[in-house]
Amino acid sequence: MTAPNTVRNYYAPRRVAQAARTREAIAAAAERLFARHGYAGTTIAAVAEEAGVTPKSVYALADKPGLLLLAVRRSEAAPGPEDIAGALLRRYPLERAFEEAAHTEPVLREAWRRHERARRARLKTLVREAADAGRLRPGLTVGRATDTLWALVTWHTVALLVEQRGWGRAKLAVWLGQLIETTLGGPAATAAGPPG
């Protein structure tokens, strides 16, 4: 009599934990390097070296565009409360790399567009809250106010103020509050969290 052919489910908790640690190390390394060197200046080999793994391990996780998306998702999911100025300071170098990559990598173009739509939607939530509280200037629509903030509160603006003018978090926070207040026509509603 022949024993039936059975498939065993193999679960190795240590392997699963090690794979998660490796994935996190690669994502963190990619986030740091894309932010520091941009998309063109970051290589798979550099990410592997920074993460302490082999290039083969990086390629097993993702190609270069995939690594950038992994880094962006990691940055957006950073835990803890954060004000808009802090989020912009932390995220703008990676967002610059993301937009630059979207111009050269067709596979990233739609991802960048989705990212920008999501950023605009978060800003619209802030504007809608201000409108619901009666803090929107008469004659200013939610759409127009959202578009104005979406166009002004970007990595481009933050890069200019930080890199060209030497602004820090405190000065950027004051400027953002004033910009939001001036745009909306009432007290700044910065408690809604980071716009993107």
Protein backbone atom coordinates (compact mmCIF):
# COMPACT_ATOMS: atom_id res chain seq x y z
CA MET A 1 0.00 0.00 0.00
CA THR A 2 1.33 3.38 -0.97
CA ALA A 3 1.10 6.33 1.39
CA PRO A 4 -0.92 9.24 0.01
CA ASN A 5 1.06 12.16 -1.29
CA THR A 6 0.57 14.96 1.20
CA VAL A 7 1.77 18.53 1.05
CA ARG A 8 3.14 19.91 4.25
CA ASN A 9 2.69 23.52 5.11
CA TYR A 10 6.06 24.79 6.15
CA TYR A 11 6.13 27.87 8.35
CA ALA A 12 9.41 29.15 9.69
CA PRO A 13 8.85 32.10 12.02
CA ARG A 14 12.54 33.00 12.08
CA ARG A 15 12.69 33.12 8.29
CA VAL A 16 9.58 35.24 8.12
CA ALA A 17 10.98 37.64 10.74
CA GLN A 18 14.34 37.81 8.95
CA ALA A 19 12.63 38.51 5.62
CA ALA A 20 10.64 41.33 7.24
CA ARG A 21 13.84 42.81 8.74
CA THR A 22 15.58 42.59 5.37
CA ARG A 23 12.66 44.23 3.60
CA GLU A 24 12.60 47.05 6.18
CA ALA A 25 16.37 47.55 5.94
CA ILE A 26 16.14 47.81 2.14
CA ALA A 27 13.16 50.18 2.25
CA ALA A 28 14.85 52.41 4.85
CA ALA A 29 18.10 52.46 2.87
CA ALA A 30 16.23 53.29 -0.35
CA GLU A 31 14.35 56.10 1.39
CA ARG A 32 17.57 57.63 2.74
CA LEU A 33 19.49 57.34 -0.54
CA PHE A 34 16.72 58.56 -2.85
CA ALA A 35 16.23 61.54 -0.53
CA ARG A 36 19.96 62.24 -0.38
CA HIS A 37 21.03 61.55 -3.98
CA GLY A 38 17.83 61.68 -6.03
CA TYR A 39 16.57 59.01 -8.36
CA ALA A 40 19.36 59.16 -10.94
CA GLY A 41 22.06 59.23 -8.26
CA THR A 42 20.81 56.14 -6.41
CA THR A 43 21.80 52.67 -7.56
CA ILE A 44 20.67 49.20 -6.55
CA ALA A 45 24.25 48.48 -5.47
CA ALA A 46 24.26 51.54 -3.20
CA VAL A 47 20.92 50.54 -1.65
CA ALA A 48 22.26 47.02 -1.05
CA GLU A 49 25.41 48.37 0.59
CA GLU A 50 23.46 50.82 2.76
CA ALA A 51 21.05 48.05 3.82
CA GLY A 52 23.83 45.55 4.46
CA VAL A 53 22.48 43.03 1.95
CA THR A 54 23.43 41.78 -1.50
CA PRO A 55 22.18 43.41 -4.71
CA LYS A 56 20.43 40.09 -5.41
CA SER A 57 18.38 40.57 -2.21
CA VAL A 58 17.37 44.04 -3.36
CA TYR A 59 16.38 42.82 -6.83
CA ALA A 60 14.38 40.01 -5.21
CA LEU A 61 12.31 42.70 -3.50
CA ALA A 62 11.94 45.24 -6.31
CA ASP A 63 13.54 46.93 -9.28
CA LYS A 64 14.62 50.58 -9.01
CA PRO A 65 11.16 52.14 -9.70
CA GLY A 66 9.62 49.66 -7.28
CA LEU A 67 12.19 50.60 -4.64
CA LEU A 68 11.26 54.25 -5.00
CA LEU A 69 7.58 53.45 -4.52
CA LEU A 70 8.44 51.32 -1.49
CA ALA A 71 10.45 54.23 -0.06
CA VAL A 72 7.60 56.69 -0.69
CA ARG A 73 5.05 54.39 0.99
CA ARG A 74 7.39 53.96 3.95
CA SER A 75 7.81 57.72 4.26
CA GLU A 76 4.07 58.35 4.09
CA ALA A 77 3.38 55.68 6.72
CA ALA A 78 5.85 57.08 9.26
CA PRO A 79 4.20 56.78 12.67
CA GLY A 80 3.47 59.51 15.15
CA PRO A 81 1.80 62.89 15.11
CA GLU A 82 3.49 65.39 12.89
CA ASP A 83 2.70 68.96 11.94
CA ILE A 84 2.62 70.08 8.32
CA ALA A 85 6.01 71.81 8.50
CA GLY A 86 7.69 68.75 9.97
CA ALA A 87 6.13 66.45 7.38
CA LEU A 88 7.18 68.72 4.52
CA LEU A 89 10.74 69.02 5.80
CA ARG A 90 11.04 65.27 6.16
CA ARG A 91 9.36 64.36 2.87
CA TYR A 92 10.41 66.97 0.35
CA PRO A 93 13.75 65.42 -0.72
CA LEU A 94 12.05 62.09 -1.46
CA GLU A 95 9.15 63.80 -3.24
CA ARG A 96 11.68 65.64 -5.41
CA ALA A 97 13.24 62.28 -6.35
CA PHE A 98 9.77 60.85 -7.03
CA GLU A 99 8.76 63.66 -9.38
CA GLU A 100 12.11 63.60 -11.17
CA ALA A 101 11.80 59.82 -11.65
CA ALA A 102 8.26 60.21 -13.00
CA HIS A 103 9.68 62.32 -15.84
CA THR A 104 12.13 59.60 -16.90
CA GLU A 105 10.40 56.35 -15.88
CA PRO A 106 7.10 55.75 -17.68
CA VAL A 107 6.11 53.16 -15.06
CA LEU A 108 6.21 55.88 -12.36
CA ARG A 109 4.21 58.57 -14.18
CA GLU A 110 0.78 57.35 -13.14
CA ALA A 111 2.02 56.65 -9.61
CA TRP A 112 3.16 60.29 -9.36
CA ARG A 113 -0.22 61.50 -10.66
CA ARG A 114 -2.01 59.37 -8.05
CA HIS A 115 0.32 60.74 -5.38
CA GLU A 116 -0.52 64.31 -6.38
CA ARG A 117 -4.26 63.59 -6.48
CA ALA A 118 -4.00 62.15 -2.97
CA ARG A 119 -2.02 65.20 -1.78
CA ARG A 120 -4.69 67.49 -3.21
CA ALA A 121 -7.43 65.42 -1.55
CA ARG A 122 -5.73 65.79 1.86
CA LEU A 123 -5.50 69.54 1.36
CA LYS A 124 -9.16 69.62 0.32
CA THR A 125 -10.04 67.98 3.64
CA LEU A 126 -8.26 70.81 5.48
CA VAL A 127 -10.04 73.43 3.35
CA ARG A 128 -13.42 71.72 3.75
CA GLU A 129 -12.99 71.71 7.55
CA ALA A 130 -12.23 75.43 7.45
CA ALA A 131 -15.28 76.05 5.23
CA ASP A 132 -17.53 74.01 7.53
CA ALA A 133 -16.29 76.09 10.48
CA GLY A 134 -17.09 79.34 8.61
CA ARG A 135 -13.42 80.29 8.17
CA LEU A 136 -13.41 80.53 4.39
CA ARG A 137 -13.29 84.02 2.91
CA PRO A 138 -16.59 85.03 1.25
CA GLY A 139 -16.54 84.27 -2.46
CA LEU A 140 -13.70 81.76 -2.17
CA THR A 141 -14.73 78.27 -3.17
CA VAL A 142 -13.36 75.10 -1.63
CA GLY A 143 -12.01 74.12 -5.05
CA ARG A 144 -10.16 77.39 -5.60
CA ALA A 145 -8.70 77.42 -2.09
CA THR A 146 -7.62 73.78 -2.46
CA ASP A 147 -5.96 74.46 -5.81
CA THR A 148 -4.11 77.46 -4.39
CA LEU A 149 -2.72 75.51 -1.44
CA TRP A 150 -1.97 72.49 -3.65
CA ALA A 151 0.08 74.69 -5.97
CA LEU A 152 1.95 76.49 -3.17
CA VAL A 153 2.55 73.82 -0.55
CA THR A 154 4.85 71.54 -2.56
CA TRP A 155 8.34 70.11 -2.32
CA HIS A 156 9.44 72.82 -4.80
CA THR A 157 8.50 75.64 -2.43
CA VAL A 158 9.96 73.92 0.61
CA ALA A 159 13.22 73.22 -1.23
CA LEU A 160 13.53 76.89 -2.18
CA LEU A 161 12.86 78.11 1.34
CA VAL A 162 15.07 75.54 3.06
CA GLU A 163 17.93 75.19 0.58
CA GLN A 164 18.08 78.71 -0.83
CA ARG A 165 16.92 80.77 2.13
CA GLY A 166 18.07 78.58 5.02
CA TRP A 167 14.67 78.26 6.67
CA GLY A 168 14.17 75.75 9.46
CA ARG A 169 11.11 74.06 10.87
CA ALA A 170 9.95 76.97 13.06
CA LYS A 171 10.12 79.56 10.29
CA LEU A 172 8.47 77.19 7.83
CA ALA A 173 5.66 76.46 10.31
CA VAL A 174 4.94 80.18 10.80
CA TRP A 175 4.94 80.76 7.04
CA LEU A 176 2.59 77.82 6.43
CA GLY A 177 0.18 79.06 9.09
CA GLN A 178 0.19 82.54 7.57
CA LEU A 179 -0.19 81.15 4.05
CA ILE A 180 -3.16 79.00 5.02
CA GLU A 181 -4.76 81.84 6.98
CA THR A 182 -4.26 84.33 4.15
CA THR A 183 -5.47 81.89 1.51
CA LEU A 184 -8.56 80.80 3.39
CA GLY A 185 -9.32 84.14 4.99
CA GLY A 186 -9.50 82.91 8.59
CA PRO A 187 -7.37 81.39 11.35
CA ALA A 188 -5.09 78.63 10.09
CA ALA A 189 -6.42 75.12 10.56
CA THR A 190 -3.13 73.23 10.75
CA ALA A 191 -4.37 70.45 13.02
CA ALA A 192 -5.60 68.43 10.05
CA GLY A 193 -2.14 66.89 9.67
CA PRO A 194 0.34 66.84 6.83
CA PRO A 195 -0.94 67.39 3.30
CA GLY A 196 1.34 64.98 1.58
